[in-house]
Amino acid sequence: MSQLPGGLIDFSQNSLYFSALAIAFNPTFWNIVARQEYHNKTLTRLFNGNSLRACYALALTIFSLGLFRDALYERAIRHQPFVPAFHHPYIAYVLLAIGNTLVLASYYALGVTGTFLGDYFGILMDEPVTGFPFNITSAPMYWGSTISFLGTSLLYGRPAGALLTTQVSLVYLGALQFEDPFTSQIYAKRDKGDKKGKKRSM
């Protein structure tokens, strides 16, 4: 068996790599699909020009992939060595509460289309959301999810979960490098169009 000294992480378990693959795949998938939609209206055409239905279909797909990723993560850490010094249920419950609060509050504030890349479909919000949880972080869905991953690893007492949590944070940081500038560009283009429209009507 290939393990870190002290038996902290068992690298011989295939479930560890399946979990890591799913963690890397999900943001890569939705960013590629969303870019294709923005530039080529790929999904909208599949739904006979109905961008709202296309967005809901992508939302369902992303949500399902998230559930699958979470199941693979839980399975992976169950196959890993239990380390008593890493087992902190009370801290885990606090982290899970914080993480889920950030995720659910973000979803409530943005709605389905705001959460699941509606702006790539031309479904734009009237104005930026600045209230909770966006007054704490600009990406509460991502960081709430990351905190929940860490909480789960502490709940099960598996250091391998912390390793996968590190990957989650790095993957989300990478995704934000693509998503934030592109989303800003979408809204800047909308605002520029609105200004031109106002000038013509004057």
N, C-alpha and C. Protein backbone atom coordinates (compact mmCIF):
# COMPACT_ATOMS: atom_id res chain seq x y z
N MET A 1 0.84 -1.20 0.00
CA MET A 1 0.00 0.00 0.00
C MET A 1 0.88 1.25 0.00
N SER A 2 0.43 2.26 -0.78
CA SER A 2 1.18 3.51 -0.86
C SER A 2 0.51 4.53 0.05
N GLN A 3 1.15 4.81 1.16
CA GLN A 3 0.57 5.73 2.13
C GLN A 3 1.60 6.75 2.57
N LEU A 4 1.07 7.90 3.03
CA LEU A 4 1.95 8.87 3.65
C LEU A 4 2.44 8.30 4.98
N PRO A 5 3.59 8.78 5.48
CA PRO A 5 4.09 8.31 6.78
C PRO A 5 3.02 8.46 7.86
N GLY A 6 2.87 7.41 8.67
CA GLY A 6 1.87 7.45 9.73
C GLY A 6 0.51 6.99 9.27
N GLY A 7 0.41 6.57 7.98
CA GLY A 7 -0.87 6.06 7.48
C GLY A 7 -1.93 7.12 7.35
N LEU A 8 -1.58 8.35 6.99
CA LEU A 8 -2.56 9.43 6.90
C LEU A 8 -3.42 9.33 5.64
N ILE A 9 -2.81 9.02 4.51
CA ILE A 9 -3.52 8.95 3.24
C ILE A 9 -3.09 7.70 2.49
N ASP A 10 -4.06 6.94 2.01
CA ASP A 10 -3.80 5.72 1.25
C ASP A 10 -3.96 6.02 -0.24
N PHE A 11 -2.85 6.17 -0.94
CA PHE A 11 -2.88 6.53 -2.36
C PHE A 11 -3.15 5.32 -3.26
N SER A 12 -3.29 4.16 -2.69
CA SER A 12 -3.57 2.97 -3.50
C SER A 12 -5.06 2.82 -3.79
N GLN A 13 -5.89 3.64 -3.15
CA GLN A 13 -7.34 3.55 -3.33
C GLN A 13 -7.78 4.29 -4.59
N ASN A 14 -8.38 3.56 -5.53
CA ASN A 14 -8.86 4.19 -6.77
C ASN A 14 -9.93 5.23 -6.51
N SER A 15 -10.69 5.05 -5.44
CA SER A 15 -11.78 5.99 -5.13
C SER A 15 -11.24 7.40 -4.90
N LEU A 16 -10.01 7.51 -4.41
CA LEU A 16 -9.40 8.81 -4.20
C LEU A 16 -9.24 9.55 -5.53
N TYR A 17 -8.83 8.82 -6.56
CA TYR A 17 -8.59 9.43 -7.87
C TYR A 17 -9.89 9.72 -8.61
N PHE A 18 -10.89 8.86 -8.43
CA PHE A 18 -12.20 9.13 -9.02
C PHE A 18 -12.80 10.41 -8.45
N SER A 19 -12.63 10.58 -7.14
CA SER A 19 -13.13 11.80 -6.49
C SER A 19 -12.39 13.03 -7.01
N ALA A 20 -11.08 12.94 -7.11
CA ALA A 20 -10.29 14.06 -7.61
C ALA A 20 -10.66 14.41 -9.04
N LEU A 21 -10.94 13.39 -9.84
CA LEU A 21 -11.33 13.61 -11.24
C LEU A 21 -12.66 14.35 -11.31
N ALA A 22 -13.62 13.94 -10.49
CA ALA A 22 -14.93 14.60 -10.48
C ALA A 22 -14.81 16.04 -10.02
N ILE A 23 -13.98 16.29 -9.02
CA ILE A 23 -13.78 17.65 -8.52
C ILE A 23 -13.23 18.55 -9.62
N ALA A 24 -12.29 18.03 -10.41
CA ALA A 24 -11.70 18.82 -11.49
C ALA A 24 -12.65 18.96 -12.67
N PHE A 25 -13.44 17.91 -12.92
CA PHE A 25 -14.30 17.90 -14.11
C PHE A 25 -15.43 18.91 -14.05
N ASN A 26 -16.12 19.00 -12.92
CA ASN A 26 -17.36 19.77 -12.87
C ASN A 26 -17.20 21.23 -13.30
N PRO A 27 -16.31 22.02 -12.68
CA PRO A 27 -16.18 23.42 -13.12
C PRO A 27 -15.66 23.54 -14.55
N THR A 28 -14.82 22.59 -14.95
CA THR A 28 -14.32 22.60 -16.33
C THR A 28 -15.48 22.41 -17.30
N PHE A 29 -16.35 21.46 -16.99
CA PHE A 29 -17.51 21.18 -17.83
C PHE A 29 -18.42 22.38 -17.96
N TRP A 30 -18.82 22.96 -16.80
CA TRP A 30 -19.81 24.03 -16.93
C TRP A 30 -19.22 25.31 -17.54
N ASN A 31 -17.95 25.53 -17.37
CA ASN A 31 -17.35 26.70 -18.01
C ASN A 31 -17.27 26.52 -19.53
N ILE A 32 -16.90 25.33 -19.99
CA ILE A 32 -16.84 25.08 -21.43
C ILE A 32 -18.23 25.17 -22.05
N VAL A 33 -19.21 24.52 -21.42
CA VAL A 33 -20.57 24.53 -21.95
C VAL A 33 -21.16 25.95 -21.95
N ALA A 34 -20.92 26.69 -20.87
CA ALA A 34 -21.46 28.05 -20.78
C ALA A 34 -20.83 28.98 -21.83
N ARG A 35 -19.54 28.83 -22.06
CA ARG A 35 -18.88 29.64 -23.09
C ARG A 35 -19.44 29.31 -24.48
N GLN A 36 -19.66 28.02 -24.73
CA GLN A 36 -20.24 27.62 -26.00
C GLN A 36 -21.64 28.21 -26.18
N GLU A 37 -22.38 28.22 -25.08
CA GLU A 37 -23.72 28.79 -25.14
C GLU A 37 -23.66 30.28 -25.43
N TYR A 38 -22.76 30.98 -24.77
CA TYR A 38 -22.68 32.43 -24.96
C TYR A 38 -22.29 32.79 -26.39
N HIS A 39 -21.32 32.07 -26.93
CA HIS A 39 -20.81 32.41 -28.26
C HIS A 39 -21.65 31.82 -29.40
N ASN A 40 -22.18 30.60 -29.17
CA ASN A 40 -22.84 29.89 -30.28
C ASN A 40 -24.30 29.52 -30.02
N LYS A 41 -24.80 29.83 -28.82
CA LYS A 41 -26.19 29.48 -28.45
C LYS A 41 -26.45 27.97 -28.64
N THR A 42 -25.47 27.17 -28.26
CA THR A 42 -25.55 25.73 -28.48
C THR A 42 -26.75 25.10 -27.78
N LEU A 43 -26.90 25.36 -26.49
CA LEU A 43 -28.01 24.76 -25.74
C LEU A 43 -29.34 25.38 -26.12
N THR A 44 -29.36 26.67 -26.33
CA THR A 44 -30.61 27.35 -26.70
C THR A 44 -31.16 26.77 -27.99
N ARG A 45 -30.30 26.47 -28.95
CA ARG A 45 -30.75 25.87 -30.20
C ARG A 45 -31.33 24.49 -29.98
N LEU A 46 -30.74 23.74 -29.03
CA LEU A 46 -31.26 22.41 -28.71
C LEU A 46 -32.67 22.48 -28.13
N PHE A 47 -32.98 23.60 -27.50
CA PHE A 47 -34.30 23.79 -26.90
C PHE A 47 -35.16 24.75 -27.73
N ASN A 48 -34.97 24.68 -29.04
CA ASN A 48 -35.80 25.43 -29.99
C ASN A 48 -35.84 26.93 -29.70
N GLY A 49 -34.69 27.47 -29.31
CA GLY A 49 -34.59 28.91 -29.09
C GLY A 49 -35.05 29.38 -27.73
N ASN A 50 -35.41 28.47 -26.85
CA ASN A 50 -35.89 28.85 -25.51
C ASN A 50 -34.70 28.85 -24.55
N SER A 51 -34.14 30.03 -24.33
CA SER A 51 -32.94 30.13 -23.49
C SER A 51 -33.22 29.80 -22.03
N LEU A 52 -34.45 30.08 -21.56
CA LEU A 52 -34.77 29.79 -20.16
C LEU A 52 -34.79 28.28 -19.91
N ARG A 53 -35.42 27.54 -20.82
CA ARG A 53 -35.43 26.09 -20.67
C ARG A 53 -34.02 25.51 -20.78
N ALA A 54 -33.22 26.08 -21.67
CA ALA A 54 -31.84 25.62 -21.83
C ALA A 54 -31.05 25.85 -20.55
N CYS A 55 -31.26 27.00 -19.92
CA CYS A 55 -30.57 27.32 -18.67
C CYS A 55 -31.00 26.36 -17.56
N TYR A 56 -32.29 26.06 -17.50
CA TYR A 56 -32.77 25.13 -16.48
C TYR A 56 -32.21 23.72 -16.71
N ALA A 57 -32.05 23.35 -17.96
CA ALA A 57 -31.47 22.03 -18.26
C ALA A 57 -30.02 21.98 -17.80
N LEU A 58 -29.28 23.06 -18.05
CA LEU A 58 -27.89 23.10 -17.58
C LEU A 58 -27.85 23.10 -16.06
N ALA A 59 -28.77 23.83 -15.44
CA ALA A 59 -28.83 23.87 -13.97
C ALA A 59 -29.04 22.47 -13.40
N LEU A 60 -29.96 21.72 -14.00
CA LEU A 60 -30.23 20.36 -13.53
C LEU A 60 -29.01 19.47 -13.72
N THR A 61 -28.31 19.65 -14.84
CA THR A 61 -27.12 18.87 -15.11
C THR A 61 -26.02 19.18 -14.10
N ILE A 62 -25.78 20.47 -13.85
CA ILE A 62 -24.74 20.87 -12.88
C ILE A 62 -25.08 20.38 -11.48
N PHE A 63 -26.36 20.50 -11.11
CA PHE A 63 -26.79 20.05 -9.78
C PHE A 63 -26.57 18.54 -9.64
N SER A 64 -26.92 17.78 -10.69
CA SER A 64 -26.76 16.32 -10.65
C SER A 64 -25.29 15.94 -10.58
N LEU A 65 -24.46 16.63 -11.36
CA LEU A 65 -23.02 16.37 -11.31
C LEU A 65 -22.45 16.68 -9.92
N GLY A 66 -22.99 17.72 -9.28
CA GLY A 66 -22.56 18.06 -7.92
C GLY A 66 -22.89 16.96 -6.93
N LEU A 67 -24.08 16.39 -7.06
CA LEU A 67 -24.47 15.29 -6.17
C LEU A 67 -23.57 14.07 -6.39
N PHE A 68 -23.26 13.80 -7.66
CA PHE A 68 -22.39 12.67 -8.00
C PHE A 68 -20.99 12.89 -7.45
N ARG A 69 -20.48 14.13 -7.60
CA ARG A 69 -19.16 14.47 -7.06
C ARG A 69 -19.13 14.29 -5.55
N ASP A 70 -20.17 14.75 -4.86
CA ASP A 70 -20.22 14.64 -3.40
C ASP A 70 -20.26 13.17 -2.96
N ALA A 71 -20.99 12.35 -3.73
CA ALA A 71 -21.06 10.92 -3.39
C ALA A 71 -19.69 10.26 -3.57
N LEU A 72 -18.99 10.64 -4.63
CA LEU A 72 -17.65 10.09 -4.85
C LEU A 72 -16.69 10.54 -3.76
N TYR A 73 -16.84 11.79 -3.32
CA TYR A 73 -15.98 12.31 -2.26
C TYR A 73 -16.20 11.54 -0.95
N GLU A 74 -17.47 11.34 -0.61
CA GLU A 74 -17.76 10.63 0.64
C GLU A 74 -17.26 9.18 0.56
N ARG A 75 -17.45 8.57 -0.60
CA ARG A 75 -16.97 7.19 -0.78
C ARG A 75 -15.45 7.13 -0.66
N ALA A 76 -14.79 8.13 -1.25
CA ALA A 76 -13.32 8.15 -1.22
C ALA A 76 -12.79 8.24 0.20
N ILE A 77 -13.37 9.14 0.99
CA ILE A 77 -12.81 9.31 2.34
C ILE A 77 -13.19 8.15 3.26
N ARG A 78 -14.28 7.47 2.95
CA ARG A 78 -14.62 6.27 3.74
C ARG A 78 -13.57 5.17 3.54
N HIS A 79 -12.93 5.18 2.38
CA HIS A 79 -11.91 4.17 2.08
C HIS A 79 -10.53 4.55 2.61
N GLN A 80 -10.43 5.70 3.23
CA GLN A 80 -9.15 6.21 3.71
C GLN A 80 -8.94 5.90 5.19
N PRO A 81 -7.68 5.95 5.64
CA PRO A 81 -7.39 5.66 7.05
C PRO A 81 -8.06 6.67 7.99
N PHE A 82 -8.60 6.14 9.06
CA PHE A 82 -9.17 6.99 10.11
C PHE A 82 -8.04 7.42 11.04
N VAL A 83 -7.95 8.74 11.28
CA VAL A 83 -6.91 9.28 12.14
C VAL A 83 -7.59 10.00 13.31
N PRO A 84 -7.54 9.45 14.51
CA PRO A 84 -8.24 10.04 15.65
C PRO A 84 -7.92 11.51 15.89
N ALA A 85 -6.66 11.89 15.68
CA ALA A 85 -6.27 13.28 15.92
C ALA A 85 -6.93 14.25 14.93
N PHE A 86 -7.45 13.70 13.82
CA PHE A 86 -8.09 14.53 12.79
C PHE A 86 -9.62 14.48 12.91
N HIS A 87 -10.10 13.76 13.91
CA HIS A 87 -11.55 13.57 14.07
C HIS A 87 -12.09 14.62 15.05
N HIS A 88 -12.78 15.63 14.51
CA HIS A 88 -13.31 16.73 15.32
C HIS A 88 -14.77 17.00 14.93
N PRO A 89 -15.70 16.19 15.44
CA PRO A 89 -17.10 16.31 15.03
C PRO A 89 -17.71 17.68 15.31
N TYR A 90 -17.41 18.29 16.45
CA TYR A 90 -18.05 19.57 16.77
C TYR A 90 -17.58 20.68 15.85
N ILE A 91 -16.29 20.70 15.57
CA ILE A 91 -15.77 21.68 14.60
C ILE A 91 -16.36 21.40 13.22
N ALA A 92 -16.49 20.10 12.91
CA ALA A 92 -17.05 19.72 11.61
C ALA A 92 -18.47 20.24 11.45
N TYR A 93 -19.29 20.09 12.49
CA TYR A 93 -20.68 20.54 12.40
C TYR A 93 -20.76 22.07 12.23
N VAL A 94 -19.86 22.78 12.90
CA VAL A 94 -19.82 24.24 12.74
C VAL A 94 -19.47 24.60 11.29
N LEU A 95 -18.44 23.94 10.75
CA LEU A 95 -18.03 24.21 9.38
C LEU A 95 -19.13 23.85 8.38
N LEU A 96 -19.79 22.73 8.61
CA LEU A 96 -20.88 22.32 7.72
C LEU A 96 -22.03 23.32 7.78
N ALA A 97 -22.32 23.83 8.97
CA ALA A 97 -23.39 24.82 9.11
C ALA A 97 -23.02 26.11 8.36
N ILE A 98 -21.78 26.55 8.54
CA ILE A 98 -21.33 27.77 7.85
C ILE A 98 -21.35 27.57 6.33
N GLY A 99 -20.78 26.45 5.90
CA GLY A 99 -20.70 26.18 4.46
C GLY A 99 -22.07 26.09 3.82
N ASN A 100 -22.97 25.34 4.42
CA ASN A 100 -24.31 25.20 3.85
C ASN A 100 -25.10 26.50 3.90
N THR A 101 -24.86 27.31 4.93
CA THR A 101 -25.53 28.61 5.00
C THR A 101 -25.10 29.50 3.85
N LEU A 102 -23.81 29.52 3.55
CA LEU A 102 -23.31 30.33 2.44
C LEU A 102 -23.89 29.85 1.11
N VAL A 103 -23.93 28.55 0.93
CA VAL A 103 -24.44 27.99 -0.33
C VAL A 103 -25.93 28.28 -0.49
N LEU A 104 -26.70 27.98 0.54
CA LEU A 104 -28.15 28.15 0.44
C LEU A 104 -28.55 29.62 0.36
N ALA A 105 -27.85 30.48 1.11
CA ALA A 105 -28.15 31.91 1.06
C ALA A 105 -27.81 32.48 -0.31
N SER A 106 -26.74 31.99 -0.90
CA SER A 106 -26.36 32.42 -2.25
C SER A 106 -27.42 32.01 -3.25
N TYR A 107 -27.87 30.79 -3.15
CA TYR A 107 -28.91 30.29 -4.05
C TYR A 107 -30.20 31.10 -3.89
N TYR A 108 -30.56 31.39 -2.65
CA TYR A 108 -31.77 32.18 -2.40
C TYR A 108 -31.66 33.58 -2.99
N ALA A 109 -30.48 34.18 -2.88
CA ALA A 109 -30.28 35.54 -3.38
C ALA A 109 -30.25 35.60 -4.90
N LEU A 110 -29.71 34.58 -5.53
CA LEU A 110 -29.53 34.61 -6.99
C LEU A 110 -30.65 33.92 -7.77
N GLY A 111 -31.30 32.97 -7.14
CA GLY A 111 -32.29 32.19 -7.87
C GLY A 111 -31.61 31.17 -8.79
N VAL A 112 -32.43 30.43 -9.54
CA VAL A 112 -31.88 29.38 -10.39
C VAL A 112 -31.01 29.94 -11.49
N THR A 113 -31.52 30.92 -12.23
CA THR A 113 -30.76 31.44 -13.37
C THR A 113 -29.53 32.22 -12.93
N GLY A 114 -29.62 32.91 -11.81
CA GLY A 114 -28.46 33.64 -11.31
C GLY A 114 -27.37 32.72 -10.80
N THR A 115 -27.79 31.59 -10.24
CA THR A 115 -26.83 30.62 -9.71
C THR A 115 -26.18 29.81 -10.81
N PHE A 116 -26.99 29.39 -11.78
CA PHE A 116 -26.51 28.45 -12.79
C PHE A 116 -26.29 29.12 -14.15
N LEU A 117 -25.48 30.19 -14.13
CA LEU A 117 -24.91 30.75 -15.36
C LEU A 117 -25.94 31.32 -16.33
N GLY A 118 -27.04 31.83 -15.79
CA GLY A 118 -28.05 32.41 -16.66
C GLY A 118 -27.54 33.57 -17.49
N ASP A 119 -26.54 34.29 -17.00
CA ASP A 119 -26.03 35.44 -17.75
C ASP A 119 -25.38 35.01 -19.07
N TYR A 120 -24.89 33.77 -19.14
CA TYR A 120 -24.34 33.26 -20.40
C TYR A 120 -25.44 32.99 -21.42
N PHE A 121 -26.67 32.88 -20.94
CA PHE A 121 -27.83 32.65 -21.81
C PHE A 121 -28.54 33.97 -22.16
N GLY A 122 -28.00 35.08 -21.69
CA GLY A 122 -28.63 36.37 -21.90
C GLY A 122 -29.69 36.69 -20.87
N ILE A 123 -29.75 35.88 -19.80
CA ILE A 123 -30.70 36.12 -18.71
C ILE A 123 -29.95 36.86 -17.61
N LEU A 124 -29.99 38.18 -17.67
CA LEU A 124 -29.16 38.99 -16.79
C LEU A 124 -29.96 39.53 -15.61
N MET A 125 -29.27 39.73 -14.50
CA MET A 125 -29.88 40.33 -13.33
C MET A 125 -29.92 41.84 -13.51
N ASP A 126 -30.91 42.47 -12.90
CA ASP A 126 -31.06 43.92 -13.06
C ASP A 126 -29.90 44.68 -12.43
N GLU A 127 -29.43 44.18 -11.31
CA GLU A 127 -28.33 44.85 -10.60
C GLU A 127 -27.58 43.82 -9.77
N PRO A 128 -26.32 44.11 -9.43
CA PRO A 128 -25.54 43.16 -8.63
C PRO A 128 -26.17 42.91 -7.25
N VAL A 129 -26.02 41.69 -6.78
CA VAL A 129 -26.49 41.34 -5.43
C VAL A 129 -25.37 41.68 -4.46
N THR A 130 -25.67 42.54 -3.51
CA THR A 130 -24.64 42.99 -2.56
C THR A 130 -24.94 42.61 -1.12
N GLY A 131 -26.13 42.07 -0.87
CA GLY A 131 -26.48 41.66 0.50
C GLY A 131 -25.87 40.32 0.86
N PHE A 132 -26.25 39.82 2.03
CA PHE A 132 -25.73 38.53 2.48
C PHE A 132 -26.07 37.43 1.49
N PRO A 133 -25.15 36.54 1.19
CA PRO A 133 -23.78 36.39 1.71
C PRO A 133 -22.71 37.09 0.87
N PHE A 134 -23.16 37.89 -0.10
CA PHE A 134 -22.20 38.52 -1.00
C PHE A 134 -21.48 39.70 -0.36
N ASN A 135 -21.94 40.11 0.81
CA ASN A 135 -21.20 41.13 1.56
C ASN A 135 -20.07 40.50 2.39
N ILE A 136 -19.98 39.18 2.35
CA ILE A 136 -18.89 38.47 3.04
C ILE A 136 -17.83 38.02 2.04
N THR A 137 -18.28 37.47 0.92
CA THR A 137 -17.39 37.01 -0.13
C THR A 137 -18.10 37.13 -1.47
N SER A 138 -17.34 37.35 -2.52
CA SER A 138 -17.94 37.49 -3.84
C SER A 138 -18.33 36.14 -4.45
N ALA A 139 -17.86 35.06 -3.85
CA ALA A 139 -18.18 33.72 -4.36
C ALA A 139 -18.63 32.80 -3.23
N PRO A 140 -19.75 33.11 -2.58
CA PRO A 140 -20.18 32.32 -1.43
C PRO A 140 -20.52 30.88 -1.76
N MET A 141 -21.00 30.62 -2.98
CA MET A 141 -21.31 29.25 -3.37
C MET A 141 -20.05 28.40 -3.39
N TYR A 142 -18.98 28.93 -3.95
CA TYR A 142 -17.73 28.19 -4.04
C TYR A 142 -17.09 27.99 -2.68
N TRP A 143 -16.98 29.07 -1.90
CA TRP A 143 -16.29 28.95 -0.62
C TRP A 143 -17.14 28.22 0.41
N GLY A 144 -18.46 28.35 0.29
CA GLY A 144 -19.32 27.57 1.18
C GLY A 144 -19.16 26.08 0.92
N SER A 145 -19.08 25.72 -0.37
CA SER A 145 -18.86 24.33 -0.73
C SER A 145 -17.51 23.83 -0.23
N THR A 146 -16.48 24.65 -0.37
CA THR A 146 -15.15 24.27 0.10
C THR A 146 -15.13 24.03 1.61
N ILE A 147 -15.78 24.91 2.35
CA ILE A 147 -15.86 24.77 3.81
C ILE A 147 -16.59 23.48 4.17
N SER A 148 -17.63 23.15 3.43
CA SER A 148 -18.39 21.93 3.70
C SER A 148 -17.55 20.69 3.43
N PHE A 149 -16.72 20.73 2.38
CA PHE A 149 -15.82 19.60 2.11
C PHE A 149 -14.87 19.39 3.30
N LEU A 150 -14.33 20.49 3.80
CA LEU A 150 -13.42 20.38 4.94
C LEU A 150 -14.15 19.86 6.17
N GLY A 151 -15.35 20.36 6.40
CA GLY A 151 -16.15 19.89 7.53
C GLY A 151 -16.42 18.40 7.45
N THR A 152 -16.70 17.91 6.25
CA THR A 152 -16.95 16.48 6.08
C THR A 152 -15.72 15.65 6.40
N SER A 153 -14.54 16.15 5.99
CA SER A 153 -13.31 15.40 6.27
C SER A 153 -13.04 15.32 7.76
N LEU A 154 -13.33 16.40 8.49
CA LEU A 154 -13.16 16.39 9.94
C LEU A 154 -14.21 15.51 10.62
N LEU A 155 -15.39 15.47 10.05
CA LEU A 155 -16.45 14.64 10.62
C LEU A 155 -16.09 13.16 10.53
N TYR A 156 -15.47 12.77 9.43
CA TYR A 156 -15.07 11.37 9.24
C TYR A 156 -13.68 11.08 9.79
N GLY A 157 -12.93 12.13 10.12
CA GLY A 157 -11.59 11.92 10.65
C GLY A 157 -10.61 11.38 9.63
N ARG A 158 -10.76 11.85 8.37
CA ARG A 158 -9.90 11.37 7.29
C ARG A 158 -9.08 12.53 6.71
N PRO A 159 -7.77 12.55 6.92
CA PRO A 159 -6.94 13.60 6.35
C PRO A 159 -6.99 13.66 4.82
N ALA A 160 -7.30 12.54 4.18
CA ALA A 160 -7.43 12.55 2.72
C ALA A 160 -8.50 13.55 2.28
N GLY A 161 -9.50 13.74 3.13
CA GLY A 161 -10.54 14.72 2.81
C GLY A 161 -9.99 16.13 2.75
N ALA A 162 -9.00 16.43 3.61
CA ALA A 162 -8.38 17.75 3.59
C ALA A 162 -7.57 17.94 2.31
N LEU A 163 -6.94 16.86 1.85
CA LEU A 163 -6.20 16.92 0.58
C LEU A 163 -7.15 17.23 -0.57
N LEU A 164 -8.27 16.54 -0.62
CA LEU A 164 -9.26 16.78 -1.68
C LEU A 164 -9.89 18.16 -1.54
N THR A 165 -10.05 18.62 -0.29
CA THR A 165 -10.57 19.97 -0.06
C THR A 165 -9.62 21.02 -0.63
N THR A 166 -8.33 20.79 -0.47
CA THR A 166 -7.34 21.70 -1.06
C THR A 166 -7.50 21.75 -2.57
N GLN A 167 -7.74 20.59 -3.17
CA GLN A 167 -7.97 20.56 -4.61
C GLN A 167 -9.23 21.34 -4.98
N VAL A 168 -10.29 21.18 -4.19
CA VAL A 168 -11.53 21.92 -4.43
C VAL A 168 -11.27 23.42 -4.46
N SER A 169 -10.53 23.90 -3.46
CA SER A 169 -10.27 25.34 -3.37
C SER A 169 -9.45 25.82 -4.56
N LEU A 170 -8.47 25.03 -4.98
CA LEU A 170 -7.62 25.42 -6.11
C LEU A 170 -8.41 25.41 -7.42
N VAL A 171 -9.28 24.42 -7.57
CA VAL A 171 -10.11 24.34 -8.78
C VAL A 171 -11.06 25.52 -8.84
N TYR A 172 -11.66 25.88 -7.72
CA TYR A 172 -12.57 27.02 -7.70
C TYR A 172 -11.83 28.34 -7.94
N LEU A 173 -10.64 28.45 -7.37
CA LEU A 173 -9.84 29.65 -7.63
C LEU A 173 -9.53 29.78 -9.12
N GLY A 174 -9.20 28.67 -9.73
CA GLY A 174 -8.94 28.68 -11.17
C GLY A 174 -10.18 29.04 -11.96
N ALA A 175 -11.33 28.48 -11.57
CA ALA A 175 -12.58 28.78 -12.27
C ALA A 175 -12.93 30.27 -12.18
N LEU A 176 -12.68 30.86 -11.01
CA LEU A 176 -12.99 32.28 -10.83
C LEU A 176 -12.14 33.17 -11.72
N GLN A 177 -10.93 32.71 -12.05
CA GLN A 177 -10.06 33.49 -12.94
C GLN A 177 -10.67 33.60 -14.33
N PHE A 178 -11.48 32.62 -14.70
CA PHE A 178 -12.16 32.65 -16.00
C PHE A 178 -13.54 33.30 -15.89
N GLU A 179 -14.26 32.96 -14.83
CA GLU A 179 -15.66 33.36 -14.73
C GLU A 179 -15.85 34.84 -14.39
N ASP A 180 -15.11 35.35 -13.42
CA ASP A 180 -15.32 36.73 -12.99
C ASP A 180 -15.08 37.75 -14.10
N PRO A 181 -13.94 37.69 -14.81
CA PRO A 181 -13.73 38.67 -15.89
C PRO A 181 -14.75 38.53 -17.02
N PHE A 182 -15.12 37.28 -17.33
CA PHE A 182 -16.06 37.07 -18.43
C PHE A 182 -17.46 37.56 -18.06
N THR A 183 -17.87 37.31 -16.83
CA THR A 183 -19.17 37.79 -16.37
C THR A 183 -19.20 39.32 -16.35
N SER A 184 -18.11 39.93 -15.90
CA SER A 184 -18.02 41.39 -15.91
C SER A 184 -18.12 41.93 -17.33
N GLN A 185 -17.52 41.22 -18.25
CA GLN A 185 -17.58 41.62 -19.66
C GLN A 185 -19.01 41.57 -20.19
N ILE A 186 -19.75 40.53 -19.80
CA ILE A 186 -21.14 40.39 -20.24
C ILE A 186 -21.97 41.58 -19.76
N TYR A 187 -21.82 41.93 -18.49
CA TYR A 187 -22.62 43.03 -17.94
C TYR A 187 -22.14 44.38 -18.45
N ALA A 188 -20.85 44.52 -18.69
CA ALA A 188 -20.34 45.76 -19.26
C ALA A 188 -20.91 45.98 -20.66
N LYS A 189 -21.03 44.90 -21.41
CA LYS A 189 -21.60 44.98 -22.76
C LYS A 189 -23.07 45.36 -22.68
N ARG A 190 -23.79 44.79 -21.70
CA ARG A 190 -25.20 45.14 -21.51
C ARG A 190 -25.36 46.61 -21.15
N ASP A 191 -24.53 47.07 -20.22
CA ASP A 191 -24.61 48.47 -19.77
C ASP A 191 -24.26 49.43 -20.89
N LYS A 192 -23.31 49.05 -21.71
CA LYS A 192 -22.92 49.89 -22.85
C LYS A 192 -24.07 50.00 -23.84
N GLY A 193 -24.76 48.88 -24.06
CA GLY A 193 -25.91 48.89 -24.94
C GLY A 193 -27.05 49.74 -24.39
N ASP A 194 -27.24 49.69 -23.07
CA ASP A 194 -28.29 50.50 -22.44
C ASP A 194 -28.00 51.99 -22.59
N LYS A 195 -26.74 52.36 -22.46
CA LYS A 195 -26.37 53.77 -22.60
C LYS A 195 -26.60 54.26 -24.02
N LYS A 196 -26.27 53.42 -24.98
CA LYS A 196 -26.49 53.80 -26.38
C LYS A 196 -27.99 53.96 -26.66
N GLY A 197 -28.78 53.08 -26.08
CA GLY A 197 -30.23 53.15 -26.26
C GLY A 197 -30.81 54.42 -25.68
N LYS A 198 -30.29 54.84 -24.52
CA LYS A 198 -30.78 56.07 -23.89
C LYS A 198 -30.43 57.29 -24.71
N LYS A 199 -29.23 57.29 -25.30
CA LYS A 199 -28.79 58.43 -26.10
C LYS A 199 -29.68 58.57 -27.34
N ARG A 200 -30.05 57.44 -27.95
CA ARG A 200 -30.88 57.48 -29.15
C ARG A 200 -32.28 58.00 -28.84
N SER A 201 -32.75 57.71 -27.63
CA SER A 201 -34.12 58.11 -27.27
C SER A 201 -34.21 59.56 -26.81
N MET A 202 -33.04 60.20 -26.62
CA MET A 202 -33.03 61.58 -26.15
C MET A 202 -33.29 62.57 -27.31
